[in-house]
Amino acid sequence: MPTWLCERFNGGTCLSIHLFWLEIRMRRTVFSGAFVLFCLLGGVGGVICRSCNLSIPFHGCLLDFGTCRTKPGQYCIKEVHTKGGIQWYSVQGCTESQDECFKRIVTTYDIHSTHCCHRPLCNF
């Protein structure tokens, strides 16, 4: 490399080459982070919801399906099953329609209630 293009630093290493590669890595990291944040906040379309087929209190999600993405007219849902005043388990995911939201079925000992929301990961 020509000496006029490179400043010698610290025993002969070329500082401008190191700074060039550092700048490329930083740009790539910033771009990747911005893309991930854009996807998590729902800018790509829909909202990301947690998807768990069986969540038990004090143990967390046992059948974790990761996440699901809503389509237009869908919401994140959390369905809670309570028996004898104690929460037994809950189910989280995406709704098929708005008809599933905000239902409460009460029997002698059981309560099945659903709650819907429309923000990223709001159904924890």
Protein backbone atom coordinates (compact mmCIF):
# COMPACT_ATOMS: atom_id res chain seq x y z
CA MET A 1 0.00 0.00 0.00
CA PRO A 2 1.43 3.44 -0.86
CA THR A 3 2.75 5.40 2.09
CA TRP A 4 0.77 8.51 1.14
CA LEU A 5 -2.50 6.51 1.51
CA CYS A 6 -1.69 5.02 4.85
CA GLU A 7 -0.50 6.55 8.11
CA ARG A 8 1.89 4.35 10.00
CA PHE A 9 0.78 3.70 13.55
CA ASN A 10 2.00 1.61 16.45
CA GLY A 11 4.98 -0.17 15.00
CA GLY A 12 4.06 -0.18 11.32
CA THR A 13 0.37 -1.13 11.12
CA CYS A 14 -1.78 0.80 8.73
CA LEU A 15 -4.36 2.76 10.74
CA SER A 16 -6.56 3.67 7.78
CA ILE A 17 -7.17 0.00 6.88
CA HIS A 18 -8.22 -0.81 10.44
CA LEU A 19 -10.54 2.18 10.56
CA PHE A 20 -12.04 1.24 7.18
CA TRP A 21 -12.93 -2.30 8.34
CA LEU A 22 -14.23 -1.00 11.68
CA GLU A 23 -16.53 1.42 9.84
CA ILE A 24 -17.90 -1.38 7.62
CA ARG A 25 -18.58 -3.62 10.63
CA MET A 26 -20.31 -0.80 12.51
CA ARG A 27 -22.55 -0.01 9.53
CA ARG A 28 -23.50 -3.66 9.16
CA THR A 29 -24.29 -3.95 12.89
CA VAL A 30 -26.40 -0.79 12.93
CA PHE A 31 -28.31 -1.87 9.80
CA SER A 32 -28.96 -5.36 11.24
CA GLY A 33 -30.16 -3.93 14.55
CA ALA A 34 -32.47 -1.45 12.84
CA PHE A 35 -33.96 -4.22 10.67
CA VAL A 36 -34.63 -6.48 13.69
CA LEU A 37 -36.22 -3.60 15.61
CA PHE A 38 -38.36 -2.71 12.60
CA CYS A 39 -39.63 -6.30 12.37
CA LEU A 40 -40.35 -6.58 16.11
CA LEU A 41 -42.36 -3.39 16.15
CA GLY A 42 -44.62 -4.71 13.42
CA GLY A 43 -43.51 -2.47 10.57
CA VAL A 44 -43.42 -5.38 8.12
CA GLY A 45 -47.16 -6.06 8.51
CA GLY A 46 -49.21 -7.39 11.38
CA VAL A 47 -48.24 -7.67 15.01
CA ILE A 48 -45.99 -10.32 16.54
CA CYS A 49 -47.69 -12.25 19.36
CA ARG A 50 -46.39 -14.90 21.73
CA SER A 51 -47.64 -18.38 20.86
CA CYS A 52 -47.76 -20.90 23.72
CA ASN A 53 -50.15 -23.85 23.81
CA LEU A 54 -49.72 -24.52 27.54
CA SER A 55 -48.50 -22.07 30.16
CA ILE A 56 -48.69 -22.97 33.85
CA PRO A 57 -48.35 -20.39 36.65
CA PHE A 58 -44.93 -20.39 38.37
CA HIS A 59 -43.50 -22.66 35.61
CA GLY A 60 -44.04 -20.63 32.45
CA CYS A 61 -44.63 -21.92 28.96
CA LEU A 62 -44.35 -25.69 28.59
CA LEU A 63 -45.47 -26.01 24.95
CA ASP A 64 -43.77 -22.98 23.42
CA PHE A 65 -44.52 -22.35 19.75
CA GLY A 66 -42.44 -19.14 19.63
CA THR A 67 -44.37 -16.35 17.96
CA CYS A 68 -47.15 -15.82 15.44
CA ARG A 69 -47.95 -12.80 13.26
CA THR A 70 -51.44 -11.36 13.01
CA LYS A 71 -53.18 -10.62 9.75
CA PRO A 72 -55.66 -7.77 9.25
CA GLY A 73 -58.58 -8.20 11.66
CA GLN A 74 -56.64 -10.47 14.02
CA TYR A 75 -55.32 -9.79 17.54
CA CYS A 76 -53.00 -11.29 20.12
CA ILE A 77 -55.01 -13.40 22.54
CA LYS A 78 -54.49 -14.85 26.01
CA GLU A 79 -57.01 -17.41 27.24
CA VAL A 80 -56.95 -18.13 30.97
CA HIS A 81 -58.54 -21.23 32.57
CA THR A 82 -59.35 -20.88 36.26
CA LYS A 83 -60.79 -23.61 38.49
CA GLY A 84 -61.83 -23.13 42.10
CA GLY A 85 -60.37 -19.62 42.12
CA ILE A 86 -56.92 -20.86 41.07
CA GLN A 87 -55.45 -20.25 37.63
CA TRP A 88 -54.62 -23.68 36.19
CA TYR A 89 -53.21 -22.79 32.80
CA SER A 90 -53.30 -20.30 29.96
CA VAL A 91 -52.97 -20.38 26.17
CA GLN A 92 -51.49 -17.57 24.05
CA GLY A 93 -51.43 -16.93 20.33
CA CYS A 94 -53.16 -15.12 17.45
CA THR A 95 -56.92 -14.99 16.97
CA GLU A 96 -58.71 -16.07 13.82
CA SER A 97 -61.30 -13.30 14.20
CA GLN A 98 -62.43 -10.63 16.66
CA ASP A 99 -65.27 -12.91 17.83
CA GLU A 100 -62.82 -14.79 20.08
CA CYS A 101 -61.94 -11.67 22.07
CA PHE A 102 -63.15 -10.68 25.54
CA LYS A 103 -65.27 -13.74 26.29
CA ARG A 104 -65.95 -15.00 29.78
CA ILE A 105 -67.59 -18.36 30.43
CA VAL A 106 -68.46 -19.00 34.07
CA THR A 107 -69.65 -22.37 35.37
CA THR A 108 -69.95 -23.61 38.95
CA TYR A 109 -66.20 -24.14 39.40
CA ASP A 110 -64.61 -23.04 36.13
CA ILE A 111 -63.94 -19.68 34.51
CA HIS A 112 -62.61 -19.43 30.95
CA SER A 113 -61.75 -15.86 29.97
CA THR A 114 -60.01 -14.36 26.95
CA HIS A 115 -58.22 -11.05 26.60
CA CYS A 116 -57.09 -9.56 23.28
CA CYS A 117 -54.59 -6.80 22.53
CA HIS A 118 -52.97 -5.26 19.45
CA ARG A 119 -49.37 -4.35 20.37
CA PRO A 120 -46.23 -6.41 19.75
CA LEU A 121 -45.81 -9.21 22.31
CA CYS A 122 -48.63 -7.87 24.50
CA ASN A 123 -50.09 -11.28 25.42
CA PHE A 124 -47.43 -12.37 27.93
